[in-house]
Amino acid sequence: MQKTFLAAALVASMVVATAPSFAAELKIGVVNTEVILRDSPAAQAASKKLEQEFSKRDKDVNAQGQRLKTDIERFEKNAANMNEQERVRKQRDLQDRERDFQRRQRELREDFNQRRNEELQKLLRQANKVIKDLAQKEGYDLVLQEAIYVNPKLDMTDTVLKLLK
């Protein structure tokens, strides 16, 4: 038992002793994907494209919401002066309009998120190709896209941003 422990300790010490020389041979780089998705020219162009694509629909939905809000406020002021039948009819109409407004808002959000995800996926594919090409060209052994801490000398993000232009 004691011989096994000594042998294991000897092997462990040999691994620890050789680990620094092994690590020195590795070339590691790290890319901050969040920065790429936020600051790259392609990301900014995609953002402008989405804004143009959805701005009219967004304005229409917001205008509908504003009209609904005004009509609800008017109804609340005048409800006391209405007869029961008219008040019930108007209240149902406002509830129907509010459901329609919420549905349109939800559809707009879903459509926007779907298009944004499509654009982000396209950008990620492009960025991954640039990262892979750079890693092969400069002899990197390992490139990570997310890390808790990165020594600035390992950070490749700025280089990737330049290549994406």
Protein backbone atom coordinates (compact mmCIF):
# COMPACT_ATOMS: atom_id res chain seq x y z
CA MET A 1 0.00 0.00 0.00
CA GLN A 2 2.80 2.37 0.92
CA LYS A 3 4.70 1.51 -2.28
CA THR A 4 1.60 2.30 -4.36
CA PHE A 5 1.23 5.66 -2.63
CA LEU A 6 4.91 6.48 -3.21
CA ALA A 7 4.66 5.50 -6.88
CA ALA A 8 1.55 7.66 -7.33
CA ALA A 9 3.27 10.59 -5.61
CA LEU A 10 6.31 10.17 -7.85
CA VAL A 11 4.17 10.12 -11.01
CA ALA A 12 2.18 13.16 -9.82
CA SER A 13 5.35 15.13 -9.12
CA MET A 14 6.71 14.26 -12.57
CA VAL A 15 3.47 15.47 -14.23
CA VAL A 16 3.54 18.70 -12.25
CA ALA A 17 7.20 19.24 -13.11
CA THR A 18 6.61 18.77 -16.83
CA ALA A 19 3.33 20.73 -17.00
CA PRO A 20 4.95 24.18 -17.32
CA SER A 21 7.08 23.09 -20.26
CA PHE A 22 4.04 21.53 -21.94
CA ALA A 23 1.96 24.70 -21.36
CA ALA A 24 4.75 26.87 -22.77
CA GLU A 25 4.48 25.02 -26.06
CA LEU A 26 0.74 25.66 -26.40
CA LYS A 27 -0.43 28.80 -28.13
CA ILE A 28 -3.81 29.81 -26.72
CA GLY A 29 -6.08 32.64 -27.74
CA VAL A 30 -9.39 33.94 -26.44
CA VAL A 31 -12.11 35.84 -28.29
CA ASN A 32 -14.89 37.77 -26.55
CA THR A 33 -17.95 36.88 -28.63
CA GLU A 34 -20.10 39.49 -26.90
CA VAL A 35 -17.76 42.27 -28.09
CA ILE A 36 -17.79 40.83 -31.63
CA LEU A 37 -21.61 40.74 -31.66
CA ARG A 38 -21.80 44.28 -30.33
CA ASP A 39 -18.92 46.19 -31.92
CA SER A 40 -18.21 44.64 -35.28
CA PRO A 41 -19.24 46.60 -38.38
CA ALA A 42 -21.40 43.66 -39.49
CA ALA A 43 -23.25 43.70 -36.15
CA GLN A 44 -23.88 47.43 -36.39
CA ALA A 45 -25.07 47.07 -39.99
CA ALA A 46 -27.41 44.24 -38.98
CA SER A 47 -28.79 46.38 -36.16
CA LYS A 48 -29.53 49.26 -38.55
CA LYS A 49 -31.08 46.85 -41.05
CA LEU A 50 -33.40 45.43 -38.38
CA GLU A 51 -34.31 48.90 -37.17
CA GLN A 52 -35.32 49.93 -40.69
CA GLU A 53 -37.16 46.67 -41.28
CA PHE A 54 -39.28 46.95 -38.12
CA SER A 55 -39.58 50.71 -37.55
CA LYS A 56 -42.84 51.20 -39.48
CA ARG A 57 -44.53 48.27 -37.79
CA ASP A 58 -43.27 49.43 -34.39
CA LYS A 59 -44.66 52.93 -34.98
CA ASP A 60 -48.02 51.48 -36.05
CA VAL A 61 -48.27 49.31 -32.93
CA ASN A 62 -47.25 52.20 -30.67
CA ALA A 63 -49.83 54.48 -32.32
CA GLN A 64 -52.50 51.82 -31.82
CA GLY A 65 -51.53 51.59 -28.14
CA GLN A 66 -51.68 55.36 -27.74
CA ARG A 67 -55.16 55.52 -29.32
CA LEU A 68 -56.32 52.69 -27.08
CA LYS A 69 -54.98 54.43 -23.98
CA THR A 70 -56.75 57.66 -24.95
CA ASP A 71 -60.02 55.82 -25.58
CA ILE A 72 -59.79 53.99 -22.24
CA GLU A 73 -59.22 57.27 -20.40
CA ARG A 74 -62.18 58.82 -22.24
CA PHE A 75 -64.35 55.81 -21.37
CA GLU A 76 -63.38 56.03 -17.68
CA LYS A 77 -64.38 59.73 -17.61
CA ASN A 78 -67.67 59.19 -19.40
CA ALA A 79 -68.70 55.76 -18.03
CA ALA A 80 -70.86 57.31 -15.31
CA ASN A 81 -72.91 59.20 -17.93
CA MET A 82 -73.57 56.12 -20.13
CA ASN A 83 -76.50 53.80 -19.84
CA GLU A 84 -75.76 50.19 -18.82
CA GLN A 85 -76.05 48.71 -22.31
CA GLU A 86 -73.81 51.33 -23.89
CA ARG A 87 -71.22 51.04 -21.11
CA VAL A 88 -71.07 47.21 -21.45
CA ARG A 89 -70.77 47.45 -25.25
CA LYS A 90 -68.01 50.05 -25.05
CA GLN A 91 -66.16 48.08 -22.37
CA ARG A 92 -66.22 44.90 -24.51
CA ASP A 93 -65.01 46.85 -27.50
CA LEU A 94 -62.09 48.26 -25.49
CA GLN A 95 -61.23 44.80 -24.16
CA ASP A 96 -61.24 43.38 -27.71
CA ARG A 97 -59.01 46.21 -28.90
CA GLU A 98 -56.65 45.69 -25.97
CA ARG A 99 -56.34 41.95 -26.75
CA ASP A 100 -55.66 42.81 -30.39
CA PHE A 101 -53.05 45.36 -29.34
CA GLN A 102 -51.30 42.85 -27.04
CA ARG A 103 -51.36 40.23 -29.80
CA ARG A 104 -49.78 42.66 -32.27
CA GLN A 105 -47.13 43.64 -29.72
CA ARG A 106 -46.29 39.98 -29.04
CA GLU A 107 -46.11 39.17 -32.77
CA LEU A 108 -43.84 42.15 -33.38
CA ARG A 109 -41.50 41.07 -30.55
CA GLU A 110 -41.43 37.48 -31.79
CA ASP A 111 -40.77 38.49 -35.40
CA PHE A 112 -38.06 40.93 -34.33
CA ASN A 113 -36.37 38.34 -32.09
CA GLN A 114 -36.47 35.74 -34.84
CA ARG A 115 -34.89 38.11 -37.38
CA ARG A 116 -32.30 39.29 -34.84
CA ASN A 117 -31.35 35.68 -34.11
CA GLU A 118 -31.01 35.00 -37.85
CA GLU A 119 -28.68 37.98 -38.24
CA LEU A 120 -26.66 37.01 -35.16
CA GLN A 121 -26.24 33.45 -36.44
CA LYS A 122 -25.01 34.76 -39.77
CA LEU A 123 -22.53 37.04 -37.99
CA LEU A 124 -21.36 34.21 -35.72
CA ARG A 125 -20.70 31.95 -38.71
CA GLN A 126 -18.67 34.72 -40.33
CA ALA A 127 -16.75 35.44 -37.11
CA ASN A 128 -16.04 31.75 -36.49
CA LYS A 129 -14.59 31.43 -39.99
CA VAL A 130 -12.34 34.44 -39.40
CA ILE A 131 -11.26 33.06 -36.01
CA LYS A 132 -10.50 29.63 -37.46
CA ASP A 133 -8.52 31.12 -40.36
CA LEU A 134 -6.56 33.37 -37.98
CA ALA A 135 -5.85 30.47 -35.62
CA GLN A 136 -4.54 28.31 -38.45
CA LYS A 137 -2.51 31.13 -39.98
CA GLU A 138 -0.86 32.13 -36.68
CA GLY A 139 -0.43 28.60 -35.31
CA TYR A 140 -2.82 28.66 -32.37
CA ASP A 141 -3.40 25.31 -30.67
CA LEU A 142 -6.55 26.40 -28.85
CA VAL A 143 -8.97 29.30 -29.21
CA LEU A 144 -11.67 29.83 -26.60
CA GLN A 145 -14.67 32.06 -27.13
CA GLU A 146 -15.70 32.54 -23.51
CA ALA A 147 -13.66 32.72 -20.33
CA ILE A 148 -14.07 34.09 -16.84
CA TYR A 149 -10.66 35.76 -16.89
CA VAL A 150 -8.35 36.42 -19.81
CA ASN A 151 -4.82 37.69 -19.69
CA PRO A 152 -4.79 40.57 -22.20
CA LYS A 153 -1.87 39.03 -24.10
CA LEU A 154 -4.12 36.04 -24.98
CA ASP A 155 -7.07 38.18 -26.14
CA MET A 156 -7.57 38.00 -29.92
CA THR A 157 -10.82 40.00 -30.00
CA ASP A 158 -9.37 43.22 -31.45
CA THR A 159 -7.58 41.30 -34.20
CA VAL A 160 -10.78 39.46 -35.12
CA LEU A 161 -12.70 42.77 -35.18
CA LYS A 162 -10.14 44.22 -37.59
CA LEU A 163 -10.38 41.18 -39.84
CA LEU A 164 -14.18 41.36 -39.86
CA LYS A 165 -14.03 44.83 -41.40
